[in-house]
Amino acid sequence: MTIFWMTVYVLIWPIVVAGTLTVIVRAFYKEWRQARDEGRGMV
């Protein structure tokens, strides 16, 4: 059973990381687009 759970962990981990990265990139793009439309910088 230990090998099964280790396999599940190894296979699920990249999906969790990809999902988190997708949320961060989408939020950044939204903020960047809004700042560009308003004519202001990101910083």
PDB file of N, CA and C in Angstrom:
ATOM      1  N   MET A   1       0.816  -1.199   0.000  1.00  0.00           N
ATOM      2  CA  MET A   1       0.000   0.000   0.000  1.00  0.00           C
ATOM      3  C   MET A   1       0.861   1.266   0.000  1.00  0.00           C
ATOM      4  N   THR A   2       2.026   1.201   0.586  1.00  0.00           N
ATOM      5  CA  THR A   2       2.904   2.370   0.631  1.00  0.00           C
ATOM      6  C   THR A   2       3.340   2.779  -0.773  1.00  0.00           C
ATOM      7  N   ILE A   3       3.645   1.823  -1.622  1.00  0.00           N
ATOM      8  CA  ILE A   3       4.068   2.137  -2.984  1.00  0.00           C
ATOM      9  C   ILE A   3       2.909   2.772  -3.755  1.00  0.00           C
ATOM     10  N   PHE A   4       1.709   2.308  -3.521  1.00  0.00           N
ATOM     11  CA  PHE A   4       0.540   2.898  -4.183  1.00  0.00           C
ATOM     12  C   PHE A   4       0.415   4.376  -3.837  1.00  0.00           C
ATOM     13  N   TRP A   5       0.491   4.710  -2.558  1.00  0.00           N
ATOM     14  CA  TRP A   5       0.327   6.107  -2.140  1.00  0.00           C
ATOM     15  C   TRP A   5       1.492   6.973  -2.608  1.00  0.00           C
ATOM     16  N   MET A   6       2.694   6.422  -2.659  1.00  0.00           N
ATOM     17  CA  MET A   6       3.835   7.182  -3.176  1.00  0.00           C
ATOM     18  C   MET A   6       3.638   7.468  -4.667  1.00  0.00           C
ATOM     19  N   THR A   7       3.099   6.497  -5.390  1.00  0.00           N
ATOM     20  CA  THR A   7       2.829   6.690  -6.817  1.00  0.00           C
ATOM     21  C   THR A   7       1.767   7.758  -7.019  1.00  0.00           C
ATOM     22  N   VAL A   8       0.707   7.710  -6.232  1.00  0.00           N
ATOM     23  CA  VAL A   8      -0.347   8.730  -6.323  1.00  0.00           C
ATOM     24  C   VAL A   8       0.230  10.110  -6.031  1.00  0.00           C
ATOM     25  N   TYR A   9       1.045  10.223  -5.020  1.00  0.00           N
ATOM     26  CA  TYR A   9       1.666  11.501  -4.656  1.00  0.00           C
ATOM     27  C   TYR A   9       2.522  12.036  -5.797  1.00  0.00           C
ATOM     28  N   VAL A  10       3.354  11.172  -6.374  1.00  0.00           N
ATOM     29  CA  VAL A  10       4.251  11.591  -7.450  1.00  0.00           C
ATOM     30  C   VAL A  10       3.452  12.000  -8.685  1.00  0.00           C
ATOM     31  N   LEU A  11       2.346  11.347  -8.959  1.00  0.00           N
ATOM     32  CA  LEU A  11       1.551  11.690 -10.131  1.00  0.00           C
ATOM     33  C   LEU A  11       0.670  12.921  -9.919  1.00  0.00           C
ATOM     34  N   ILE A  12       0.214  13.146  -8.700  1.00  0.00           N
ATOM     35  CA  ILE A  12      -0.671  14.276  -8.421  1.00  0.00           C
ATOM     36  C   ILE A  12       0.114  15.579  -8.224  1.00  0.00           C
ATOM     37  N   TRP A  13       1.325  15.493  -7.684  1.00  0.00           N
ATOM     38  CA  TRP A  13       2.109  16.684  -7.368  1.00  0.00           C
ATOM     39  C   TRP A  13       2.255  17.638  -8.556  1.00  0.00           C
ATOM     40  N   PRO A  14       2.620  17.172  -9.760  1.00  0.00           N
ATOM     41  CA  PRO A  14       2.738  18.109 -10.889  1.00  0.00           C
ATOM     42  C   PRO A  14       1.412  18.783 -11.250  1.00  0.00           C
ATOM     43  N   ILE A  15       0.298  18.090 -11.050  1.00  0.00           N
ATOM     44  CA  ILE A  15      -1.001  18.685 -11.342  1.00  0.00           C
ATOM     45  C   ILE A  15      -1.293  19.823 -10.368  1.00  0.00           C
ATOM     46  N   VAL A  16      -0.981  19.618  -9.095  1.00  0.00           N
ATOM     47  CA  VAL A  16      -1.188  20.655  -8.081  1.00  0.00           C
ATOM     48  C   VAL A  16      -0.310  21.873  -8.380  1.00  0.00           C
ATOM     49  N   VAL A  17       0.944  21.632  -8.722  1.00  0.00           N
ATOM     50  CA  VAL A  17       1.873  22.725  -9.023  1.00  0.00           C
ATOM     51  C   VAL A  17       1.415  23.478 -10.275  1.00  0.00           C
ATOM     52  N   ALA A  18       1.013  22.762 -11.302  1.00  0.00           N
ATOM     53  CA  ALA A  18       0.544  23.407 -12.532  1.00  0.00           C
ATOM     54  C   ALA A  18      -0.705  24.249 -12.264  1.00  0.00           C
ATOM     55  N   GLY A  19      -1.604  23.750 -11.449  1.00  0.00           N
ATOM     56  CA  GLY A  19      -2.802  24.515 -11.113  1.00  0.00           C
ATOM     57  C   GLY A  19      -2.478  25.797 -10.363  1.00  0.00           C
ATOM     58  N   THR A  20      -1.578  25.692  -9.407  1.00  0.00           N
ATOM     59  CA  THR A  20      -1.160  26.871  -8.648  1.00  0.00           C
ATOM     60  C   THR A  20      -0.479  27.894  -9.549  1.00  0.00           C
ATOM     61  N   LEU A  21       0.410  27.427 -10.399  1.00  0.00           N
ATOM     62  CA  LEU A  21       1.101  28.325 -11.321  1.00  0.00           C
ATOM     63  C   LEU A  21       0.112  28.982 -12.286  1.00  0.00           C
ATOM     64  N   THR A  22      -0.880  28.250 -12.726  1.00  0.00           N
ATOM     65  CA  THR A  22      -1.900  28.810 -13.626  1.00  0.00           C
ATOM     66  C   THR A  22      -2.669  29.933 -12.946  1.00  0.00           C
ATOM     67  N   VAL A  23      -3.038  29.740 -11.693  1.00  0.00           N
ATOM     68  CA  VAL A  23      -3.763  30.784 -10.959  1.00  0.00           C
ATOM     69  C   VAL A  23      -2.900  32.038 -10.815  1.00  0.00           C
ATOM     70  N   ILE A  24      -1.628  31.867 -10.484  1.00  0.00           N
ATOM     71  CA  ILE A  24      -0.728  33.013 -10.309  1.00  0.00           C
ATOM     72  C   ILE A  24      -0.539  33.760 -11.625  1.00  0.00           C
ATOM     73  N   VAL A  25      -0.315  33.030 -12.717  1.00  0.00           N
ATOM     74  CA  VAL A  25      -0.088  33.664 -14.021  1.00  0.00           C
ATOM     75  C   VAL A  25      -1.339  34.390 -14.498  1.00  0.00           C
ATOM     76  N   ARG A  26      -2.505  33.775 -14.315  1.00  0.00           N
ATOM     77  CA  ARG A  26      -3.748  34.431 -14.737  1.00  0.00           C
ATOM     78  C   ARG A  26      -3.986  35.720 -13.946  1.00  0.00           C
ATOM     79  N   ALA A  27      -3.723  35.697 -12.642  1.00  0.00           N
ATOM     80  CA  ALA A  27      -3.913  36.899 -11.817  1.00  0.00           C
ATOM     81  C   ALA A  27      -2.933  37.986 -12.236  1.00  0.00           C
ATOM     82  N   PHE A  28      -1.683  37.600 -12.498  1.00  0.00           N
ATOM     83  CA  PHE A  28      -0.690  38.588 -12.930  1.00  0.00           C
ATOM     84  C   PHE A  28      -1.087  39.208 -14.257  1.00  0.00           C
ATOM     85  N   TYR A  29      -1.532  38.379 -15.204  1.00  0.00           N
ATOM     86  CA  TYR A  29      -1.932  38.888 -16.518  1.00  0.00           C
ATOM     87  C   TYR A  29      -3.110  39.850 -16.401  1.00  0.00           C
ATOM     88  N   LYS A  30      -4.062  39.516 -15.543  1.00  0.00           N
ATOM     89  CA  LYS A  30      -5.222  40.383 -15.347  1.00  0.00           C
ATOM     90  C   LYS A  30      -4.791  41.735 -14.787  1.00  0.00           C
ATOM     91  N   GLU A  31      -3.909  41.716 -13.784  1.00  0.00           N
ATOM     92  CA  GLU A  31      -3.426  42.967 -13.189  1.00  0.00           C
ATOM     93  C   GLU A  31      -2.625  43.777 -14.202  1.00  0.00           C
ATOM     94  N   TRP A  32      -1.787  43.095 -14.990  1.00  0.00           N
ATOM     95  CA  TRP A  32      -0.957  43.765 -15.976  1.00  0.00           C
ATOM     96  C   TRP A  32      -1.815  44.434 -17.050  1.00  0.00           C
ATOM     97  N   ARG A  33      -2.841  43.692 -17.527  1.00  0.00           N
ATOM     98  CA  ARG A  33      -3.737  44.233 -18.547  1.00  0.00           C
ATOM     99  C   ARG A  33      -4.515  45.438 -18.020  1.00  0.00           C
ATOM    100  N   GLN A  34      -4.962  45.348 -16.772  1.00  0.00           N
ATOM    101  CA  GLN A  34      -5.702  46.460 -16.173  1.00  0.00           C
ATOM    102  C   GLN A  34      -4.803  47.688 -16.026  1.00  0.00           C
ATOM    103  N   ALA A  35      -3.578  47.480 -15.583  1.00  0.00           N
ATOM    104  CA  ALA A  35      -2.640  48.610 -15.440  1.00  0.00           C
ATOM    105  C   ALA A  35      -2.325  49.223 -16.803  1.00  0.00           C
ATOM    106  N   ARG A  36      -2.156  48.392 -17.808  1.00  0.00           N
ATOM    107  CA  ARG A  36      -1.858  48.899 -19.149  1.00  0.00           C
ATOM    108  C   ARG A  36      -3.031  49.710 -19.683  1.00  0.00           C
ATOM    109  N   ASP A  37      -4.253  49.243 -19.456  1.00  0.00           N
ATOM    110  CA  ASP A  37      -5.427  49.971 -19.928  1.00  0.00           C
ATOM    111  C   ASP A  37      -5.591  51.316 -19.219  1.00  0.00           C
ATOM    112  N   GLU A  38      -5.185  51.386 -17.965  1.00  0.00           N
ATOM    113  CA  GLU A  38      -5.280  52.617 -17.188  1.00  0.00           C
ATOM    114  C   GLU A  38      -4.063  53.518 -17.394  1.00  0.00           C
ATOM    115  N   GLY A  39      -3.048  53.055 -18.110  1.00  0.00           N
ATOM    116  CA  GLY A  39      -1.869  53.864 -18.410  1.00  0.00           C
ATOM    117  C   GLY A  39      -0.923  54.021 -17.242  1.00  0.00           C
ATOM    118  N   ARG A  40      -0.880  53.057 -16.356  1.00  0.00           N
ATOM    119  CA  ARG A  40       0.038  53.134 -15.216  1.00  0.00           C
ATOM    120  C   ARG A  40       0.949  51.901 -15.206  1.00  0.00           C
ATOM    121  N   GLY A  41       2.052  52.022 -14.480  1.00  0.00           N
ATOM    122  CA  GLY A  41       2.990  50.913 -14.397  1.00  0.00           C
ATOM    123  C   GLY A  41       2.567  49.895 -13.351  1.00  0.00           C
ATOM    124  N   MET A  42       3.195  48.745 -13.410  1.00  0.00           N
ATOM    125  CA  MET A  42       2.892  47.696 -12.458  1.00  0.00           C
ATOM    126  C   MET A  42       3.517  47.973 -11.082  1.00  0.00           C
ATOM    127  N   VAL A  43       4.638  48.641 -11.084  1.00  0.00           N
ATOM    128  CA  VAL A  43       5.341  48.863  -9.817  1.00  0.00           C
ATOM    129  C   VAL A  43       4.953  50.198  -9.235  1.00  0.00           C
TER     130      VAL A  43
END
